[in-house]
N, C-alpha and C. Protein backbone atom coordinates (compact mmCIF):
# COMPACT_ATOMS: atom_id res chain seq x y z
N MET A 1 81.70 84.05 117.05
CA MET A 1 80.38 84.53 117.39
C MET A 1 79.67 85.11 116.16
N ALA A 2 80.44 85.74 115.27
CA ALA A 2 79.85 86.31 114.07
C ALA A 2 79.28 85.23 113.16
N GLU A 3 79.94 84.06 113.11
CA GLU A 3 79.44 82.95 112.30
C GLU A 3 78.11 82.45 112.83
N MET A 4 77.96 82.38 114.14
CA MET A 4 76.70 81.94 114.74
C MET A 4 75.58 82.93 114.41
N ASP A 5 75.89 84.21 114.39
CA ASP A 5 74.90 85.22 114.03
C ASP A 5 74.41 85.01 112.60
N VAL A 6 75.31 84.70 111.69
CA VAL A 6 74.95 84.45 110.30
C VAL A 6 74.06 83.21 110.20
N VAL A 7 74.41 82.15 110.91
CA VAL A 7 73.62 80.92 110.90
C VAL A 7 72.22 81.17 111.43
N ILE A 8 72.11 81.86 112.53
CA ILE A 8 70.80 82.16 113.11
C ILE A 8 69.97 83.01 112.16
N ARG A 9 70.58 84.01 111.55
CA ARG A 9 69.86 84.87 110.61
C ARG A 9 69.36 84.07 109.41
N LYS A 10 70.18 83.16 108.88
CA LYS A 10 69.77 82.35 107.74
C LYS A 10 68.67 81.37 108.13
N LEU A 11 68.75 80.77 109.30
CA LEU A 11 67.69 79.87 109.75
C LEU A 11 66.36 80.61 109.91
N PHE A 12 66.42 81.81 110.48
CA PHE A 12 65.21 82.60 110.66
C PHE A 12 64.56 82.92 109.31
N GLN A 13 65.35 83.19 108.29
CA GLN A 13 64.82 83.55 106.99
C GLN A 13 64.18 82.36 106.27
N LEU A 14 64.46 81.15 106.70
CA LEU A 14 63.92 79.97 106.03
C LEU A 14 62.65 79.44 106.68
N ILE A 15 62.17 80.07 107.73
CA ILE A 15 60.91 79.63 108.34
C ILE A 15 59.75 80.33 107.64
N PRO A 16 58.54 79.77 107.73
CA PRO A 16 57.39 80.42 107.07
C PRO A 16 57.22 81.86 107.54
N GLN A 17 56.88 82.71 106.59
CA GLN A 17 56.70 84.14 106.86
C GLN A 17 55.39 84.59 106.24
N SER A 18 54.89 85.73 106.72
CA SER A 18 53.68 86.28 106.11
C SER A 18 53.86 87.78 105.91
N VAL A 19 53.14 88.28 104.90
CA VAL A 19 53.17 89.70 104.56
C VAL A 19 51.73 90.13 104.33
N ARG A 20 51.39 91.33 104.81
CA ARG A 20 50.07 91.91 104.60
C ARG A 20 50.21 93.14 103.72
N ARG A 21 49.39 93.19 102.68
CA ARG A 21 49.33 94.37 101.83
C ARG A 21 48.02 95.08 102.14
N TYR A 22 48.10 96.26 102.70
CA TYR A 22 46.90 97.01 103.05
C TYR A 22 46.23 97.52 101.78
N GLY A 23 44.93 97.28 101.69
CA GLY A 23 44.17 97.70 100.52
C GLY A 23 43.90 99.19 100.51
N LYS A 24 43.57 99.69 99.32
CA LYS A 24 43.20 101.10 99.14
C LYS A 24 41.97 101.14 98.25
N ALA A 25 41.10 102.10 98.47
CA ALA A 25 39.91 102.24 97.63
C ALA A 25 40.31 102.49 96.18
N THR A 26 41.47 103.07 95.97
CA THR A 26 41.93 103.35 94.60
C THR A 26 42.37 102.10 93.86
N ASP A 27 42.47 100.95 94.56
CA ASP A 27 42.81 99.70 93.88
C ASP A 27 41.76 99.34 92.83
N TRP A 28 40.52 99.57 93.14
CA TRP A 28 39.40 99.06 92.34
C TRP A 28 38.88 100.10 91.36
N THR A 29 39.79 100.58 90.50
CA THR A 29 39.42 101.60 89.51
C THR A 29 39.19 101.02 88.13
N GLY A 30 39.19 99.70 88.03
CA GLY A 30 38.99 99.06 86.73
C GLY A 30 40.28 98.65 86.07
N SER A 31 41.40 98.94 86.70
CA SER A 31 42.71 98.57 86.15
C SER A 31 43.31 97.43 86.96
N ASN A 32 44.20 96.68 86.33
CA ASN A 32 44.93 95.65 87.06
C ASN A 32 45.92 96.31 88.01
N PHE A 33 46.27 95.62 89.09
CA PHE A 33 47.24 96.17 90.02
C PHE A 33 48.02 95.04 90.68
N ASN A 34 49.23 95.38 91.14
CA ASN A 34 50.10 94.40 91.77
C ASN A 34 49.90 94.39 93.27
N ILE A 35 50.02 93.21 93.88
CA ILE A 35 49.88 93.14 95.33
C ILE A 35 51.16 92.68 96.02
N PHE A 36 51.93 91.79 95.40
CA PHE A 36 53.18 91.32 96.00
C PHE A 36 54.23 91.14 94.92
N GLN A 37 55.50 91.28 95.33
CA GLN A 37 56.60 90.99 94.42
C GLN A 37 57.57 90.04 95.11
N VAL A 38 57.88 88.95 94.44
CA VAL A 38 58.86 87.98 94.93
C VAL A 38 60.23 88.45 94.46
N LEU A 39 61.14 88.64 95.42
CA LEU A 39 62.48 89.16 95.10
C LEU A 39 63.56 88.24 95.66
N GLY A 40 64.71 88.23 95.03
CA GLY A 40 65.90 87.61 95.58
C GLY A 40 66.05 86.12 95.39
N GLY A 41 64.98 85.40 95.19
CA GLY A 41 65.07 83.95 95.02
C GLY A 41 63.69 83.32 95.05
N ASN A 42 63.66 82.02 94.85
CA ASN A 42 62.40 81.29 94.77
C ASN A 42 61.72 81.18 96.14
N ILE A 43 60.39 80.98 96.11
CA ILE A 43 59.62 80.79 97.34
C ILE A 43 58.61 79.67 97.13
N THR A 44 58.06 79.21 98.24
CA THR A 44 56.92 78.30 98.22
C THR A 44 55.76 79.04 98.87
N ILE A 45 54.67 79.24 98.13
CA ILE A 45 53.50 79.91 98.68
C ILE A 45 52.63 78.88 99.38
N LYS A 46 52.29 79.18 100.61
CA LYS A 46 51.41 78.32 101.41
C LYS A 46 49.96 78.76 101.30
N ARG A 47 49.71 80.08 101.37
CA ARG A 47 48.35 80.63 101.34
C ARG A 47 48.36 82.05 100.79
N ILE A 48 47.29 82.41 100.12
CA ILE A 48 46.99 83.81 99.78
C ILE A 48 45.52 84.00 100.08
N TRP A 49 45.17 85.10 100.73
CA TRP A 49 43.77 85.38 100.98
C TRP A 49 43.54 86.88 101.10
N GLY A 50 42.29 87.29 100.92
CA GLY A 50 41.92 88.69 101.02
C GLY A 50 40.89 88.89 102.11
N HIS A 51 40.91 90.08 102.73
CA HIS A 51 39.96 90.44 103.79
C HIS A 51 39.38 91.81 103.47
N LEU A 52 38.06 91.86 103.26
CA LEU A 52 37.40 93.13 102.98
C LEU A 52 37.30 93.94 104.26
N THR A 53 38.01 95.05 104.28
CA THR A 53 37.95 95.93 105.44
C THR A 53 36.93 97.05 105.22
N THR A 54 36.53 97.23 103.97
CA THR A 54 35.43 98.12 103.61
C THR A 54 34.58 97.38 102.59
N ALA A 55 33.29 97.37 102.80
CA ALA A 55 32.40 96.56 101.97
C ALA A 55 32.43 96.95 100.50
N CYS A 56 32.18 95.98 99.64
CA CYS A 56 32.02 96.18 98.21
C CYS A 56 30.53 96.42 97.97
N THR A 57 30.18 97.63 97.61
CA THR A 57 28.76 97.96 97.45
C THR A 57 28.39 98.54 96.11
N GLY A 58 29.38 99.07 95.38
CA GLY A 58 29.04 99.83 94.19
C GLY A 58 29.00 99.07 92.89
N ALA A 59 29.62 97.91 92.82
CA ALA A 59 29.68 97.18 91.56
C ALA A 59 30.04 95.73 91.84
N THR A 60 30.04 94.96 90.80
CA THR A 60 30.47 93.57 90.92
C THR A 60 31.96 93.49 90.67
N LEU A 61 32.71 93.11 91.71
CA LEU A 61 34.14 92.91 91.53
C LEU A 61 34.37 91.53 90.95
N VAL A 62 35.32 91.42 90.04
CA VAL A 62 35.64 90.13 89.43
C VAL A 62 37.16 89.94 89.46
N PRO A 63 37.74 89.84 90.66
CA PRO A 63 39.19 89.72 90.73
C PRO A 63 39.68 88.30 90.52
N TYR A 64 40.86 88.16 89.91
CA TYR A 64 41.58 86.90 89.99
C TYR A 64 43.06 87.20 90.06
N LEU A 65 43.81 86.26 90.59
CA LEU A 65 45.24 86.44 90.80
C LEU A 65 46.03 85.96 89.58
N ASN A 66 47.12 86.67 89.28
CA ASN A 66 48.01 86.20 88.23
C ASN A 66 49.46 86.38 88.67
N PHE A 67 50.38 85.80 87.92
CA PHE A 67 51.80 85.88 88.25
C PHE A 67 52.59 86.16 86.98
N THR A 68 53.49 87.14 87.06
CA THR A 68 54.37 87.48 85.95
C THR A 68 55.82 87.35 86.42
N PRO A 69 56.57 86.38 85.88
CA PRO A 69 57.97 86.24 86.29
C PRO A 69 58.80 87.43 85.80
N THR A 70 59.68 87.93 86.64
CA THR A 70 60.49 89.09 86.25
C THR A 70 61.68 88.70 85.39
N GLY A 71 62.06 87.43 85.39
CA GLY A 71 63.20 86.99 84.59
C GLY A 71 62.81 86.56 83.19
N GLY A 72 61.60 86.84 82.77
CA GLY A 72 61.13 86.42 81.45
C GLY A 72 60.15 85.28 81.58
N GLY A 73 59.22 85.23 80.68
CA GLY A 73 58.19 84.20 80.71
C GLY A 73 56.81 84.84 80.69
N ALA A 74 55.82 84.04 80.37
CA ALA A 74 54.46 84.54 80.21
C ALA A 74 53.77 84.71 81.55
N THR A 75 52.83 85.64 81.59
CA THR A 75 51.96 85.81 82.75
C THR A 75 51.04 84.60 82.86
N THR A 76 50.87 84.09 84.06
CA THR A 76 50.08 82.89 84.29
C THR A 76 48.96 83.19 85.29
N ALA A 77 47.75 82.75 85.00
CA ALA A 77 46.65 82.88 85.95
C ALA A 77 46.90 81.94 87.12
N LEU A 78 46.70 82.41 88.33
CA LEU A 78 46.87 81.58 89.52
C LEU A 78 45.56 80.99 90.00
N CYS A 79 44.45 81.61 89.66
CA CYS A 79 43.16 81.08 90.10
C CYS A 79 42.06 81.62 89.19
N ALA A 80 40.91 81.00 89.30
CA ALA A 80 39.76 81.40 88.49
C ALA A 80 39.11 82.66 89.05
N LEU A 81 38.13 83.16 88.35
CA LEU A 81 37.44 84.38 88.75
C LEU A 81 36.59 84.19 90.00
N ALA A 82 36.51 85.24 90.77
CA ALA A 82 35.59 85.30 91.89
C ALA A 82 34.61 86.42 91.57
N VAL A 83 33.35 86.12 91.50
CA VAL A 83 32.35 87.13 91.15
C VAL A 83 31.57 87.49 92.40
N GLY A 84 31.56 88.76 92.73
CA GLY A 84 30.84 89.21 93.91
C GLY A 84 30.01 90.42 93.59
N SER A 85 28.75 90.38 93.90
CA SER A 85 27.89 91.53 93.61
C SER A 85 27.92 92.53 94.76
N ALA A 86 27.90 92.05 95.96
CA ALA A 86 27.98 92.93 97.13
C ALA A 86 28.57 92.13 98.27
N TRP A 87 29.85 92.33 98.53
CA TRP A 87 30.49 91.62 99.62
C TRP A 87 30.52 92.54 100.83
N PRO A 88 29.98 92.10 101.97
CA PRO A 88 29.98 92.95 103.16
C PRO A 88 31.36 93.04 103.80
N ILE A 89 31.51 93.97 104.72
CA ILE A 89 32.75 94.10 105.47
C ILE A 89 33.04 92.77 106.16
N ASN A 90 34.29 92.43 106.30
CA ASN A 90 34.78 91.19 106.90
C ASN A 90 34.55 89.95 106.05
N THR A 91 34.22 90.13 104.76
CA THR A 91 34.22 88.98 103.86
C THR A 91 35.66 88.55 103.67
N ILE A 92 35.88 87.24 103.66
CA ILE A 92 37.21 86.67 103.44
C ILE A 92 37.22 86.01 102.07
N LEU A 93 38.22 86.33 101.26
CA LEU A 93 38.41 85.67 99.96
C LEU A 93 39.51 84.63 100.15
N THR A 94 39.14 83.36 100.05
CA THR A 94 40.13 82.29 100.22
C THR A 94 40.40 81.63 98.89
N TRP A 95 41.48 80.88 98.85
CA TRP A 95 41.89 80.22 97.62
C TRP A 95 42.61 78.95 98.01
N ALA A 96 42.24 77.85 97.38
CA ALA A 96 42.79 76.54 97.74
C ALA A 96 44.19 76.30 97.20
N GLY A 97 44.72 77.17 96.38
CA GLY A 97 46.07 77.01 95.88
C GLY A 97 46.18 76.22 94.60
N THR A 98 45.07 76.06 93.88
CA THR A 98 45.11 75.36 92.60
C THR A 98 44.74 76.35 91.50
N VAL A 99 45.26 76.12 90.30
CA VAL A 99 44.98 77.02 89.19
C VAL A 99 43.49 77.07 88.89
N ALA A 100 42.79 75.95 89.05
CA ALA A 100 41.35 75.93 88.79
C ALA A 100 40.55 76.43 89.98
N GLY A 101 41.21 76.60 91.11
CA GLY A 101 40.50 77.04 92.31
C GLY A 101 39.98 78.45 92.18
N VAL A 102 38.89 78.72 92.84
CA VAL A 102 38.24 80.03 92.75
C VAL A 102 38.50 80.81 94.02
N LEU A 103 38.71 82.12 93.89
CA LEU A 103 38.69 82.99 95.06
C LEU A 103 37.26 82.96 95.57
N THR A 104 37.05 82.41 96.74
CA THR A 104 35.71 82.17 97.24
C THR A 104 35.39 83.12 98.39
N PRO A 105 34.33 83.92 98.26
CA PRO A 105 33.97 84.83 99.34
C PRO A 105 33.12 84.13 100.41
N THR A 106 33.45 84.37 101.67
CA THR A 106 32.63 83.90 102.78
C THR A 106 32.59 84.99 103.83
N SER A 107 31.57 85.00 104.63
CA SER A 107 31.41 86.04 105.63
C SER A 107 32.19 85.68 106.88
N VAL A 108 33.05 86.55 107.31
CA VAL A 108 33.77 86.55 108.58
C VAL A 108 34.80 85.44 108.74
N ILE A 109 34.52 84.24 108.27
CA ILE A 109 35.43 83.12 108.49
C ILE A 109 35.87 82.56 107.16
N GLY A 110 37.08 82.05 107.08
CA GLY A 110 37.66 81.68 105.82
C GLY A 110 37.40 80.27 105.35
N HIS A 111 36.14 79.87 105.27
CA HIS A 111 35.83 78.60 104.63
C HIS A 111 35.95 78.78 103.13
N SER A 112 36.19 77.70 102.41
CA SER A 112 36.32 77.83 100.97
C SER A 112 35.00 77.65 100.24
N ALA A 113 33.95 77.27 100.95
CA ALA A 113 32.63 77.14 100.33
C ALA A 113 31.80 78.33 100.75
N ALA A 114 31.07 78.90 99.82
CA ALA A 114 30.30 80.12 100.10
C ALA A 114 29.32 79.91 101.24
N SER A 115 28.79 78.71 101.40
CA SER A 115 27.83 78.46 102.47
C SER A 115 28.51 78.31 103.82
N GLY A 116 29.81 78.05 103.80
CA GLY A 116 30.53 77.85 105.05
C GLY A 116 30.35 76.46 105.62
N THR A 117 29.61 75.60 104.92
CA THR A 117 29.34 74.27 105.47
C THR A 117 30.37 73.25 105.03
N ALA A 118 30.91 73.40 103.85
CA ALA A 118 31.92 72.45 103.38
C ALA A 118 33.28 73.09 103.53
N THR A 119 33.95 72.79 104.62
CA THR A 119 35.24 73.43 104.85
C THR A 119 36.35 72.71 104.10
N GLU A 120 37.27 73.49 103.68
CA GLU A 120 38.46 72.97 103.01
C GLU A 120 39.64 73.54 103.77
N THR A 121 40.64 72.74 104.03
CA THR A 121 41.78 73.26 104.76
C THR A 121 42.50 74.28 103.90
N PHE A 122 43.28 75.10 104.55
CA PHE A 122 44.06 76.09 103.83
C PHE A 122 45.35 75.49 103.30
N SER A 123 45.55 74.19 103.46
CA SER A 123 46.79 73.58 103.01
C SER A 123 46.62 73.02 101.60
N GLY A 124 46.00 73.81 100.75
CA GLY A 124 45.85 73.40 99.35
C GLY A 124 47.22 73.20 98.73
N ASN A 125 47.27 72.99 97.48
CA ASN A 125 48.54 72.74 96.81
C ASN A 125 49.48 73.93 97.02
N GLU A 126 50.69 73.64 97.42
CA GLU A 126 51.69 74.70 97.54
C GLU A 126 52.16 75.07 96.15
N LEU A 127 52.52 76.33 95.98
CA LEU A 127 53.03 76.81 94.70
C LEU A 127 54.50 77.15 94.83
N LEU A 128 55.30 76.58 93.96
CA LEU A 128 56.71 76.95 93.90
C LEU A 128 56.82 78.08 92.89
N MET A 129 57.48 79.16 93.28
CA MET A 129 57.46 80.36 92.46
C MET A 129 58.83 80.99 92.35
N VAL A 130 59.18 81.39 91.14
CA VAL A 130 60.42 82.12 90.88
C VAL A 130 60.15 83.60 91.15
N PRO A 131 61.18 84.45 91.19
CA PRO A 131 60.94 85.88 91.38
C PRO A 131 59.99 86.45 90.31
N GLY A 132 59.10 87.30 90.75
CA GLY A 132 58.13 87.91 89.84
C GLY A 132 57.08 88.68 90.61
N ILE A 133 56.01 89.02 89.93
CA ILE A 133 54.96 89.88 90.49
C ILE A 133 53.64 89.14 90.54
N ILE A 134 53.01 89.16 91.72
CA ILE A 134 51.67 88.62 91.89
C ILE A 134 50.72 89.80 91.81
N GLY A 135 49.76 89.71 90.90
CA GLY A 135 48.86 90.83 90.69
C GLY A 135 47.40 90.42 90.69
N ILE A 136 46.55 91.42 90.65
CA ILE A 136 45.11 91.24 90.57
C ILE A 136 44.67 91.70 89.19
N VAL A 137 43.97 90.83 88.48
CA VAL A 137 43.34 91.21 87.23
C VAL A 137 41.94 91.68 87.61
N ASN A 138 41.63 92.91 87.26
CA ASN A 138 40.41 93.54 87.74
C ASN A 138 39.69 94.19 86.56
N ALA A 139 38.50 93.71 86.27
CA ALA A 139 37.77 94.20 85.11
C ALA A 139 36.69 95.22 85.46
N THR A 140 36.50 95.49 86.74
CA THR A 140 35.39 96.36 87.14
C THR A 140 35.86 97.41 88.13
N THR A 141 34.96 98.33 88.46
CA THR A 141 35.29 99.36 89.44
C THR A 141 34.35 99.30 90.61
N ASP A 142 34.84 99.69 91.78
CA ASP A 142 34.04 99.83 92.98
C ASP A 142 34.82 100.73 93.91
N ALA A 143 34.47 102.01 93.91
CA ALA A 143 35.22 102.97 94.71
C ALA A 143 35.10 102.73 96.20
N SER A 144 34.17 101.88 96.61
CA SER A 144 33.97 101.66 98.04
C SER A 144 34.79 100.51 98.60
N ALA A 145 35.13 99.51 97.80
CA ALA A 145 35.77 98.29 98.31
C ALA A 145 37.23 98.52 98.70
N VAL A 146 37.60 97.94 99.84
CA VAL A 146 38.99 97.90 100.28
C VAL A 146 39.27 96.48 100.73
N ILE A 147 40.28 95.86 100.11
CA ILE A 147 40.64 94.48 100.45
C ILE A 147 42.11 94.43 100.83
N ASP A 148 42.39 93.96 102.06
CA ASP A 148 43.76 93.69 102.47
C ASP A 148 44.11 92.30 101.98
N TRP A 149 45.31 92.13 101.44
CA TRP A 149 45.76 90.84 100.93
C TRP A 149 46.89 90.31 101.80
N TYR A 150 46.85 89.02 102.06
CA TYR A 150 47.85 88.35 102.88
C TYR A 150 48.49 87.23 102.08
N ILE A 151 49.78 87.01 102.31
CA ILE A 151 50.48 85.88 101.70
C ILE A 151 51.33 85.22 102.78
N GLU A 152 51.26 83.91 102.85
CA GLU A 152 52.14 83.15 103.72
C GLU A 152 53.04 82.33 102.82
N PHE A 153 54.35 82.40 103.07
CA PHE A 153 55.30 81.76 102.17
C PHE A 153 56.52 81.27 102.95
N THR A 154 57.25 80.39 102.33
CA THR A 154 58.54 79.95 102.86
C THR A 154 59.60 80.26 101.81
N PRO A 155 60.63 81.01 102.19
CA PRO A 155 61.71 81.30 101.25
C PRO A 155 62.45 80.02 100.90
N ALA A 156 62.88 79.91 99.66
CA ALA A 156 63.69 78.76 99.25
C ALA A 156 65.15 78.95 99.63
N ASP A 157 65.56 80.19 99.81
CA ASP A 157 66.91 80.49 100.30
C ASP A 157 66.86 81.78 101.09
N SER A 158 67.97 82.14 101.71
CA SER A 158 67.98 83.28 102.63
C SER A 158 67.81 84.63 101.93
N SER A 159 67.91 84.69 100.62
CA SER A 159 67.75 85.97 99.93
C SER A 159 66.32 86.18 99.41
N SER A 160 65.44 85.20 99.58
CA SER A 160 64.06 85.31 99.07
C SER A 160 63.22 86.16 100.01
N VAL A 161 62.54 87.17 99.45
CA VAL A 161 61.66 88.04 100.23
C VAL A 161 60.42 88.38 99.40
N ILE A 162 59.41 88.89 100.10
CA ILE A 162 58.21 89.44 99.44
C ILE A 162 58.20 90.94 99.70
N ALA A 163 58.07 91.70 98.64
CA ALA A 163 57.97 93.16 98.75
C ALA A 163 56.57 93.56 98.30
N LEU A 164 56.19 94.76 98.71
CA LEU A 164 54.88 95.29 98.31
C LEU A 164 55.04 96.22 97.12
């Protein structure tokens, strides 16, 4: 019976999982900050997106995602800049999963085009990732903005997890 428990636990760990990182107003102080850490083993990222729970009103945020492997290697940009002058509450920042892809703000619904008319599926290119840190490169400040970040991923083995 103990062997069956181990098998079930390992199977559960290999199905797609998601993690939410609750935003804080102190995130947007003009400094870079980390949002997720890949631990224990490799993963496949299916989606990353942000949800403004408090509007961006005080400045132009220019966030982009980057990745720094913890086992050595250079920091790599994951997407291009997203420039927003004033994003209202419930703006969704989506990303197609390509290095050239832009974090695209849309109101309320997660289309990848700012107008919401040209929809792109969220099944952009999957990213295979070794253990490391996913962070936000942030060049500006906005004491009012709060963005929750979500990641959906599949562990490559039973020891792969996402930590905050």
